[in-house]
Amino acid sequence: MSAAGVDHSRIVSNPAVCGGRPTVRGLRMRVKDVLDLLAAGASHAEILEDYPYLEAEDIRACLSYAARQVDHPVLRVA
C-alpha cells in the first residue's frame, strides 16, 4: 500500500494474460478498460455494478497507476 492509501499490488502484468498489458489483479480486465469506462462517463458505482468482480479499490488503483505512468521526467535536447 502506498502513502496515498492505494494498493498498487492490485495492478499486475503477466505475459500470459492480455498480452502482458497491465490488468486488475490478474483478471482479464485491463487498466485501459477501466480508464476507458471512466473517460466515457461511467461512474464508479456503474462500473462496480456492471463488473461485480471488481472492487472500488481496483478503480482507485487503476487511476493511480495511470497517474504514475504519465509522471515522468521530460528530457529536453538542446
PDB file of N, CA and C in Angstrom:
ATOM      1  N   MET A   1       0.848  -1.169   0.000  1.00  0.00           N
ATOM      2  CA  MET A   1       0.000   0.000   0.000  1.00  0.00           C
ATOM      3  C   MET A   1       0.896   1.234   0.000  1.00  0.00           C
ATOM      4  N   SER A   2       0.515   2.226  -0.773  1.00  0.00           N
ATOM      5  CA  SER A   2       1.309   3.444  -0.881  1.00  0.00           C
ATOM      6  C   SER A   2       0.932   4.424   0.216  1.00  0.00           C
ATOM      7  N   ALA A   3       1.677   5.516   0.252  1.00  0.00           N
ATOM      8  CA  ALA A   3       1.388   6.546   1.233  1.00  0.00           C
ATOM      9  C   ALA A   3       0.007   7.153   1.008  1.00  0.00           C
ATOM     10  N   ALA A   4      -0.455   7.166  -0.227  1.00  0.00           N
ATOM     11  CA  ALA A   4      -1.773   7.724  -0.538  1.00  0.00           C
ATOM     12  C   ALA A   4      -2.898   6.735  -0.227  1.00  0.00           C
ATOM     13  N   GLY A   5      -2.564   5.566   0.261  1.00  0.00           N
ATOM     14  CA  GLY A   5      -3.571   4.582   0.620  1.00  0.00           C
ATOM     15  C   GLY A   5      -4.056   3.724  -0.533  1.00  0.00           C
ATOM     16  N   VAL A   6      -3.343   3.742  -1.651  1.00  0.00           N
ATOM     17  CA  VAL A   6      -3.738   2.941  -2.808  1.00  0.00           C
ATOM     18  C   VAL A   6      -2.857   1.701  -2.861  1.00  0.00           C
ATOM     19  N   ASP A   7      -3.483   0.552  -3.011  1.00  0.00           N
ATOM     20  CA  ASP A   7      -2.768  -0.725  -3.080  1.00  0.00           C
ATOM     21  C   ASP A   7      -2.331  -0.974  -4.519  1.00  0.00           C
ATOM     22  N   HIS A   8      -1.083  -0.623  -4.819  1.00  0.00           N
ATOM     23  CA  HIS A   8      -0.574  -0.775  -6.185  1.00  0.00           C
ATOM     24  C   HIS A   8      -0.344  -2.226  -6.578  1.00  0.00           C
ATOM     25  N   SER A   9      -0.346  -3.130  -5.626  1.00  0.00           N
ATOM     26  CA  SER A   9      -0.151  -4.543  -5.969  1.00  0.00           C
ATOM     27  C   SER A   9      -1.364  -5.110  -6.701  1.00  0.00           C
ATOM     28  N   ARG A  10      -2.472  -4.378  -6.749  1.00  0.00           N
ATOM     29  CA  ARG A  10      -3.653  -4.828  -7.478  1.00  0.00           C
ATOM     30  C   ARG A  10      -3.433  -4.791  -8.987  1.00  0.00           C
ATOM     31  N   ILE A  11      -2.481  -4.006  -9.451  1.00  0.00           N
ATOM     32  CA  ILE A  11      -2.201  -3.897 -10.879  1.00  0.00           C
ATOM     33  C   ILE A  11      -1.000  -4.766 -11.201  1.00  0.00           C
ATOM     34  N   VAL A  12      -1.214  -5.746 -12.066  1.00  0.00           N
ATOM     35  CA  VAL A  12      -0.153  -6.696 -12.399  1.00  0.00           C
ATOM     36  C   VAL A  12      -0.029  -6.848 -13.910  1.00  0.00           C
ATOM     37  N   SER A  13       1.165  -7.204 -14.329  1.00  0.00           N
ATOM     38  CA  SER A  13       1.415  -7.516 -15.741  1.00  0.00           C
ATOM     39  C   SER A  13       1.940  -8.938 -15.817  1.00  0.00           C
ATOM     40  N   ASN A  14       1.282  -9.740 -16.614  1.00  0.00           N
ATOM     41  CA  ASN A  14       1.668 -11.137 -16.792  1.00  0.00           C
ATOM     42  C   ASN A  14       1.629 -11.416 -18.288  1.00  0.00           C
ATOM     43  N   PRO A  15       2.744 -11.867 -18.872  1.00  0.00           N
ATOM     44  CA  PRO A  15       2.765 -12.119 -20.315  1.00  0.00           C
ATOM     45  C   PRO A  15       1.670 -13.084 -20.788  1.00  0.00           C
ATOM     46  N   ALA A  16       1.168 -13.924 -19.903  1.00  0.00           N
ATOM     47  CA  ALA A  16       0.151 -14.901 -20.283  1.00  0.00           C
ATOM     48  C   ALA A  16      -1.274 -14.346 -20.196  1.00  0.00           C
ATOM     49  N   VAL A  17      -1.427 -13.123 -19.701  1.00  0.00           N
ATOM     50  CA  VAL A  17      -2.757 -12.526 -19.546  1.00  0.00           C
ATOM     51  C   VAL A  17      -2.795 -11.202 -20.309  1.00  0.00           C
ATOM     52  N   CYS A  18      -3.686 -11.106 -21.267  1.00  0.00           N
ATOM     53  CA  CYS A  18      -3.885  -9.878 -22.055  1.00  0.00           C
ATOM     54  C   CYS A  18      -2.587  -9.378 -22.683  1.00  0.00           C
ATOM     55  N   GLY A  19      -1.774 -10.282 -23.138  1.00  0.00           N
ATOM     56  CA  GLY A  19      -0.540  -9.904 -23.830  1.00  0.00           C
ATOM     57  C   GLY A  19       0.444  -9.138 -22.975  1.00  0.00           C
ATOM     58  N   GLY A  20       0.363  -9.289 -21.667  1.00  0.00           N
ATOM     59  CA  GLY A  20       1.291  -8.610 -20.774  1.00  0.00           C
ATOM     60  C   GLY A  20       0.872  -7.196 -20.404  1.00  0.00           C
ATOM     61  N   ARG A  21      -0.278  -6.762 -20.921  1.00  0.00           N
ATOM     62  CA  ARG A  21      -0.746  -5.419 -20.564  1.00  0.00           C
ATOM     63  C   ARG A  21      -1.160  -5.410 -19.090  1.00  0.00           C
ATOM     64  N   PRO A  22      -1.068  -4.251 -18.429  1.00  0.00           N
ATOM     65  CA  PRO A  22      -1.447  -4.174 -17.010  1.00  0.00           C
ATOM     66  C   PRO A  22      -2.919  -4.518 -16.812  1.00  0.00           C
ATOM     67  N   THR A  23      -3.174  -5.405 -15.874  1.00  0.00           N
ATOM     68  CA  THR A  23      -4.534  -5.833 -15.567  1.00  0.00           C
ATOM     69  C   THR A  23      -4.820  -5.667 -14.081  1.00  0.00           C
ATOM     70  N   VAL A  24      -6.085  -5.751 -13.748  1.00  0.00           N
ATOM     71  CA  VAL A  24      -6.520  -5.662 -12.363  1.00  0.00           C
ATOM     72  C   VAL A  24      -6.458  -7.051 -11.745  1.00  0.00           C
ATOM     73  N   ARG A  25      -5.598  -7.216 -10.774  1.00  0.00           N
ATOM     74  CA  ARG A  25      -5.450  -8.461 -10.011  1.00  0.00           C
ATOM     75  C   ARG A  25      -5.296  -9.699 -10.894  1.00  0.00           C
ATOM     76  N   GLY A  26      -4.731  -9.538 -12.081  1.00  0.00           N
ATOM     77  CA  GLY A  26      -4.512 -10.680 -12.962  1.00  0.00           C
ATOM     78  C   GLY A  26      -5.760 -11.141 -13.685  1.00  0.00           C
ATOM     79  N   LEU A  27      -6.868 -10.447 -13.478  1.00  0.00           N
ATOM     80  CA  LEU A  27      -8.105 -10.762 -14.198  1.00  0.00           C
ATOM     81  C   LEU A  27      -7.955 -10.280 -15.632  1.00  0.00           C
ATOM     82  N   ARG A  28      -8.857 -10.626 -16.469  1.00  0.00           N
ATOM     83  CA  ARG A  28      -8.794 -10.160 -17.852  1.00  0.00           C
ATOM     84  C   ARG A  28      -9.482  -8.802 -18.014  1.00  0.00           C
ATOM     85  N   MET A  29      -9.324  -7.971 -17.022  1.00  0.00           N
ATOM     86  CA  MET A  29      -9.802  -6.591 -17.064  1.00  0.00           C
ATOM     87  C   MET A  29      -8.562  -5.708 -17.042  1.00  0.00           C
ATOM     88  N   ARG A  30      -8.283  -5.090 -18.199  1.00  0.00           N
ATOM     89  CA  ARG A  30      -7.091  -4.255 -18.307  1.00  0.00           C
ATOM     90  C   ARG A  30      -7.314  -2.905 -17.626  1.00  0.00           C
ATOM     91  N   VAL A  31      -6.231  -2.308 -17.183  1.00  0.00           N
ATOM     92  CA  VAL A  31      -6.294  -0.954 -16.629  1.00  0.00           C
ATOM     93  C   VAL A  31      -6.931  -0.033 -17.665  1.00  0.00           C
ATOM     94  N   LYS A  32      -6.548  -0.189 -18.921  1.00  0.00           N
ATOM     95  CA  LYS A  32      -7.099   0.633 -20.005  1.00  0.00           C
ATOM     96  C   LYS A  32      -8.612   0.503 -20.093  1.00  0.00           C
ATOM     97  N   ASP A  33      -9.136  -0.687 -19.880  1.00  0.00           N
ATOM     98  CA  ASP A  33     -10.585  -0.880 -19.944  1.00  0.00           C
ATOM     99  C   ASP A  33     -11.289  -0.044 -18.877  1.00  0.00           C
ATOM    100  N   VAL A  34     -10.759  -0.056 -17.677  1.00  0.00           N
ATOM    101  CA  VAL A  34     -11.349   0.726 -16.586  1.00  0.00           C
ATOM    102  C   VAL A  34     -11.245   2.217 -16.899  1.00  0.00           C
ATOM    103  N   LEU A  35     -10.075   2.645 -17.380  1.00  0.00           N
ATOM    104  CA  LEU A  35      -9.898   4.059 -17.718  1.00  0.00           C
ATOM    105  C   LEU A  35     -10.834   4.484 -18.850  1.00  0.00           C
ATOM    106  N   ASP A  36     -11.016   3.625 -19.842  1.00  0.00           N
ATOM    107  CA  ASP A  36     -11.944   3.928 -20.939  1.00  0.00           C
ATOM    108  C   ASP A  36     -13.375   4.092 -20.430  1.00  0.00           C
ATOM    109  N   LEU A  37     -13.780   3.237 -19.504  1.00  0.00           N
ATOM    110  CA  LEU A  37     -15.122   3.348 -18.933  1.00  0.00           C
ATOM    111  C   LEU A  37     -15.292   4.674 -18.204  1.00  0.00           C
ATOM    112  N   LEU A  38     -14.299   5.036 -17.406  1.00  0.00           N
ATOM    113  CA  LEU A  38     -14.358   6.304 -16.685  1.00  0.00           C
ATOM    114  C   LEU A  38     -14.364   7.479 -17.651  1.00  0.00           C
ATOM    115  N   ALA A  39     -13.534   7.421 -18.683  1.00  0.00           N
ATOM    116  CA  ALA A  39     -13.464   8.509 -19.667  1.00  0.00           C
ATOM    117  C   ALA A  39     -14.780   8.656 -20.423  1.00  0.00           C
ATOM    118  N   ALA A  40     -15.499   7.554 -20.586  1.00  0.00           N
ATOM    119  CA  ALA A  40     -16.786   7.590 -21.284  1.00  0.00           C
ATOM    120  C   ALA A  40     -17.909   8.095 -20.383  1.00  0.00           C
ATOM    121  N   GLY A  41     -17.582   8.372 -19.120  1.00  0.00           N
ATOM    122  CA  GLY A  41     -18.572   8.936 -18.217  1.00  0.00           C
ATOM    123  C   GLY A  41     -19.194   7.966 -17.240  1.00  0.00           C
ATOM    124  N   ALA A  42     -18.746   6.716 -17.234  1.00  0.00           N
ATOM    125  CA  ALA A  42     -19.291   5.751 -16.279  1.00  0.00           C
ATOM    126  C   ALA A  42     -18.842   6.124 -14.864  1.00  0.00           C
ATOM    127  N   SER A  43     -19.754   6.020 -13.929  1.00  0.00           N
ATOM    128  CA  SER A  43     -19.404   6.289 -12.532  1.00  0.00           C
ATOM    129  C   SER A  43     -18.771   5.045 -11.919  1.00  0.00           C
ATOM    130  N   HIS A  44     -18.141   5.250 -10.781  1.00  0.00           N
ATOM    131  CA  HIS A  44     -17.564   4.099 -10.073  1.00  0.00           C
ATOM    132  C   HIS A  44     -18.663   3.084  -9.781  1.00  0.00           C
ATOM    133  N   ALA A  45     -19.811   3.567  -9.333  1.00  0.00           N
ATOM    134  CA  ALA A  45     -20.920   2.673  -8.988  1.00  0.00           C
ATOM    135  C   ALA A  45     -21.392   1.874 -10.201  1.00  0.00           C
ATOM    136  N   GLU A  46     -21.474   2.521 -11.348  1.00  0.00           N
ATOM    137  CA  GLU A  46     -21.895   1.817 -12.561  1.00  0.00           C
ATOM    138  C   GLU A  46     -20.891   0.730 -12.944  1.00  0.00           C
ATOM    139  N   ILE A  47     -19.627   1.052 -12.853  1.00  0.00           N
ATOM    140  CA  ILE A  47     -18.590   0.066 -13.193  1.00  0.00           C
ATOM    141  C   ILE A  47     -18.667  -1.125 -12.247  1.00  0.00           C
ATOM    142  N   LEU A  48     -18.807  -0.846 -10.965  1.00  0.00           N
ATOM    143  CA  LEU A  48     -18.872  -1.930  -9.986  1.00  0.00           C
ATOM    144  C   LEU A  48     -20.125  -2.780 -10.160  1.00  0.00           C
ATOM    145  N   GLU A  49     -21.208  -2.162 -10.591  1.00  0.00           N
ATOM    146  CA  GLU A  49     -22.440  -2.913 -10.837  1.00  0.00           C
ATOM    147  C   GLU A  49     -22.304  -3.791 -12.082  1.00  0.00           C
ATOM    148  N   ASP A  50     -21.689  -3.249 -13.132  1.00  0.00           N
ATOM    149  CA  ASP A  50     -21.549  -3.986 -14.388  1.00  0.00           C
ATOM    150  C   ASP A  50     -20.463  -5.063 -14.332  1.00  0.00           C
ATOM    151  N   TYR A  51     -19.482  -4.868 -13.470  1.00  0.00           N
ATOM    152  CA  TYR A  51     -18.358  -5.807 -13.339  1.00  0.00           C
ATOM    153  C   TYR A  51     -18.225  -6.187 -11.872  1.00  0.00           C
ATOM    154  N   PRO A  52     -19.069  -7.099 -11.396  1.00  0.00           N
ATOM    155  CA  PRO A  52     -19.130  -7.403  -9.960  1.00  0.00           C
ATOM    156  C   PRO A  52     -17.843  -7.996  -9.382  1.00  0.00           C
ATOM    157  N   TYR A  53     -16.952  -8.457 -10.226  1.00  0.00           N
ATOM    158  CA  TYR A  53     -15.684  -9.000  -9.718  1.00  0.00           C
ATOM    159  C   TYR A  53     -14.679  -7.895  -9.411  1.00  0.00           C
ATOM    160  N   LEU A  54     -14.998  -6.650  -9.794  1.00  0.00           N
ATOM    161  CA  LEU A  54     -14.137  -5.522  -9.451  1.00  0.00           C
ATOM    162  C   LEU A  54     -14.546  -4.952  -8.100  1.00  0.00           C
ATOM    163  N   GLU A  55     -13.576  -4.319  -7.450  1.00  0.00           N
ATOM    164  CA  GLU A  55     -13.810  -3.660  -6.168  1.00  0.00           C
ATOM    165  C   GLU A  55     -13.450  -2.187  -6.316  1.00  0.00           C
ATOM    166  N   ALA A  56     -13.998  -1.360  -5.443  1.00  0.00           N
ATOM    167  CA  ALA A  56     -13.730   0.079  -5.503  1.00  0.00           C
ATOM    168  C   ALA A  56     -12.232   0.365  -5.472  1.00  0.00           C
ATOM    169  N   GLU A  57     -11.505  -0.385  -4.698  1.00  0.00           N
ATOM    170  CA  GLU A  57     -10.054  -0.187  -4.614  1.00  0.00           C
ATOM    171  C   GLU A  57      -9.367  -0.486  -5.948  1.00  0.00           C
ATOM    172  N   ASP A  58      -9.947  -1.371  -6.752  1.00  0.00           N
ATOM    173  CA  ASP A  58      -9.384  -1.657  -8.082  1.00  0.00           C
ATOM    174  C   ASP A  58      -9.442  -0.414  -8.970  1.00  0.00           C
ATOM    175  N   ILE A  59     -10.552   0.307  -8.908  1.00  0.00           N
ATOM    176  CA  ILE A  59     -10.688   1.518  -9.722  1.00  0.00           C
ATOM    177  C   ILE A  59      -9.678   2.564  -9.269  1.00  0.00           C
ATOM    178  N   ARG A  60      -9.546   2.733  -7.949  1.00  0.00           N
ATOM    179  CA  ARG A  60      -8.559   3.691  -7.440  1.00  0.00           C
ATOM    180  C   ARG A  60      -7.152   3.289  -7.854  1.00  0.00           C
ATOM    181  N   ALA A  61      -6.861   1.988  -7.840  1.00  0.00           N
ATOM    182  CA  ALA A  61      -5.534   1.515  -8.244  1.00  0.00           C
ATOM    183  C   ALA A  61      -5.282   1.797  -9.721  1.00  0.00           C
ATOM    184  N   CYS A  62      -6.297   1.652 -10.563  1.00  0.00           N
ATOM    185  CA  CYS A  62      -6.142   1.954 -11.990  1.00  0.00           C
ATOM    186  C   CYS A  62      -5.835   3.431 -12.206  1.00  0.00           C
ATOM    187  N   LEU A  63      -6.553   4.291 -11.508  1.00  0.00           N
ATOM    188  CA  LEU A  63      -6.310   5.727 -11.637  1.00  0.00           C
ATOM    189  C   LEU A  63      -4.911   6.097 -11.144  1.00  0.00           C
ATOM    190  N   SER A  64      -4.511   5.523 -10.047  1.00  0.00           N
ATOM    191  CA  SER A  64      -3.186   5.801  -9.504  1.00  0.00           C
ATOM    192  C   SER A  64      -2.098   5.287 -10.444  1.00  0.00           C
ATOM    193  N   TYR A  65      -2.316   4.108 -11.003  1.00  0.00           N
ATOM    194  CA  TYR A  65      -1.356   3.537 -11.956  1.00  0.00           C
ATOM    195  C   TYR A  65      -1.189   4.467 -13.157  1.00  0.00           C
ATOM    196  N   ALA A  66      -2.300   4.944 -13.695  1.00  0.00           N
ATOM    197  CA  ALA A  66      -2.242   5.841 -14.849  1.00  0.00           C
ATOM    198  C   ALA A  66      -1.514   7.136 -14.498  1.00  0.00           C
ATOM    199  N   ALA A  67      -1.780   7.665 -13.331  1.00  0.00           N
ATOM    200  CA  ALA A  67      -1.119   8.901 -12.909  1.00  0.00           C
ATOM    201  C   ALA A  67       0.389   8.695 -12.796  1.00  0.00           C
ATOM    202  N   ARG A  68       0.794   7.560 -12.261  1.00  0.00           N
ATOM    203  CA  ARG A  68       2.231   7.278 -12.141  1.00  0.00           C
ATOM    204  C   ARG A  68       2.878   7.096 -13.507  1.00  0.00           C
ATOM    205  N   GLN A  69       2.145   6.574 -14.468  1.00  0.00           N
ATOM    206  CA  GLN A  69       2.711   6.344 -15.801  1.00  0.00           C
ATOM    207  C   GLN A  69       3.002   7.646 -16.537  1.00  0.00           C
ATOM    208  N   VAL A  70       2.196   8.661 -16.301  1.00  0.00           N
ATOM    209  CA  VAL A  70       2.417   9.925 -17.008  1.00  0.00           C
ATOM    210  C   VAL A  70       3.315  10.879 -16.227  1.00  0.00           C
ATOM    211  N   ASP A  71       3.659  10.529 -15.016  1.00  0.00           N
ATOM    212  CA  ASP A  71       4.509  11.386 -14.189  1.00  0.00           C
ATOM    213  C   ASP A  71       5.954  10.930 -14.314  1.00  0.00           C
ATOM    214  N   HIS A  72       6.596  11.369 -15.376  1.00  0.00           N
ATOM    215  CA  HIS A  72       7.987  11.015 -15.585  1.00  0.00           C
ATOM    216  C   HIS A  72       8.751  12.259 -16.052  1.00  0.00           C
ATOM    217  N   PRO A  73      10.045  12.273 -15.849  1.00  0.00           N
ATOM    218  CA  PRO A  73      10.805  13.459 -16.266  1.00  0.00           C
ATOM    219  C   PRO A  73      10.798  13.604 -17.778  1.00  0.00           C
ATOM    220  N   VAL A  74      10.751  14.845 -18.211  1.00  0.00           N
ATOM    221  CA  VAL A  74      10.822  15.155 -19.636  1.00  0.00           C
ATOM    222  C   VAL A  74      12.211  15.701 -19.904  1.00  0.00           C
ATOM    223  N   LEU A  75      12.930  15.031 -20.755  1.00  0.00           N
ATOM    224  CA  LEU A  75      14.282  15.461 -21.108  1.00  0.00           C
ATOM    225  C   LEU A  75      14.235  16.301 -22.372  1.00  0.00           C
ATOM    226  N   ARG A  76      14.825  17.426 -22.317  1.00  0.00           N
ATOM    227  CA  ARG A  76      14.859  18.313 -23.497  1.00  0.00           C
ATOM    228  C   ARG A  76      16.254  18.270 -24.098  1.00  0.00           C
ATOM    229  N   VAL A  77      16.296  18.148 -25.400  1.00  0.00           N
ATOM    230  CA  VAL A  77      17.565  18.136 -26.116  1.00  0.00           C
ATOM    231  C   VAL A  77      17.771  19.538 -26.673  1.00  0.00           C
ATOM    232  N   ALA A  78      18.902  20.106 -26.349  1.00  0.00           N
ATOM    233  CA  ALA A  78      19.167  21.488 -26.793  1.00  0.00           C
ATOM    234  C   ALA A  78      19.843  21.496 -28.135  1.00  0.00           C
TER     235      ALA A  78
END
